[in-house]
Amino acid sequence: MNTELNLNLLLLDKNLSAELRTIAEKVKLNKRISFEEGILLYEKGELGYLGVLANYIREKRHGDKTYFNRNFHIEPTNLCIYDCKFCSYSVLIKERSQGWEYTMEEMMEIVRKYDSEPVTEVHLVGGVLPQYDLKFYSELFTAIHKHRPELHVKALTPVEYHYIFKKAKIDYASGMKLMKEAGLDSIPGGGAEIFHPEIREQIAKDKCTGEQWLQIHEEWHKLGMRSNATMLYGHIEEFKHRVDHLEHLRSLQDRSGGFQTFIPLKFRNQDNQMSHVPEVSVIEDLRNYAVSRIYLDNFDHIKAYWAMISRSTAQLSLNFGVDDIDGTLDDTTKIYSMAGAEEQNPAMSTQELVELIKQVGRHPIERDTLYNMITDYKDHQFPEDEKPKFYKLPVLN
């Protein structure tokens, strides 16, 4: 793909407006676009135009390389003290009979299930309950590392940490330091939703504010640690709210440099209090990936969760700024499927992920959580008799 040629041809287009031409020239010169230009991209940027710009940035940074990892999820509970309107996953404590609450031993049983498998990451996130406190998670992280020292623990969002630290009566800086000492390796990007209070108050007013979310990540970055970031899009927010969200992330990244990946999360309307809100189209998904790649000039990676948007849309996204499609999962997460994602039993073998990436002419790289390369699959040939492996979670009553 000659992305530079495509960009030059775009700049020669006499029908391109002066405003959009200015943005394209900035992209070519690696210059930052403004808040107003971010809104303009959402309002007037056609899919083809945005794809040319986003893919130019993507290939300048990563070429054809497309990353994935071998991971599994632990979701301690789907019960939660918070009542987020968009959530299809959690149920309130008063409906306890409809949920699950894993003990520490049950979670460790899930970890041990993968002892003979080459997974590199456990992604741990779920609902917020009083018993999952500072002591509980400190002991859990320590136990995981004691059992399997090389397994990267990516766990909990600022929504959980805010509650845990408030309950323990400690500040964010002290709390994050304790988590690091217990064995936490990085923080996922969840709980960001939309930072702007105008929208956050309507969809997730009970939990931590956007500012508090940013503060917790900043304290983590001050410890020299890495984290991810997300944005929930495609519901009641306007374009200005999306750009405001991206601007806050870009500003924090300027200060701390601790973010490594941005993951746009599509609002899904199944079985939640916002089921009346229609979902946006695949075209809008791709446009949003592209604008995110263009705006977040200080983020190394843009990730698409294949389990949330479907395998085919994930393939398409690789031409719109995305360079990472997450991991194998092995059917260990219910968060996407319960919200109505196309993948109701999200699991892919390494071979399937590699083939998915190669089918669209990209170069598959298995990475660890911090983007160190584990295996280059560009020329790898899988044995003909090798069959995809799927691993069911143990039944926990």
Foldseek 3Di string as FASTA:
>chain_A
DPLVVVLVVVLVDPPDDPLLNVLSVCLVVVHADDLVSLLVLLVPNALVSLLSSQLVLQCVQPNQFFEAFAEAEDAQKQEACFAFQLFLRHDYPVVVVPMHGDALVLVVLQLVLCVVPPGAEYEYYHYEDPVCALVRLLQSLLVSCVVPVRRAYAYDALQRQVVRCVVVVHDLLVSLVSNVVSHHQEYEAPPLAFQDCVVCCVGTVPTDHNVSRLVNQLSNLVVVGAYEHEYEDFFPDDSSRVSVRLVSVLVSCVVRVRYAEYEYAWRFQPRGNRVVTDGDDLSVVLSVLSSSSSNNSSHSAYEYACQQAPLVSRQVSSSRNHRYHYYQHLQNDCRRLSSPGPNVRRGDAPVRVCVSSVVSPGWYFYAHPVRDTDDGCRPDDDDPPDDGDHDDRDDDD
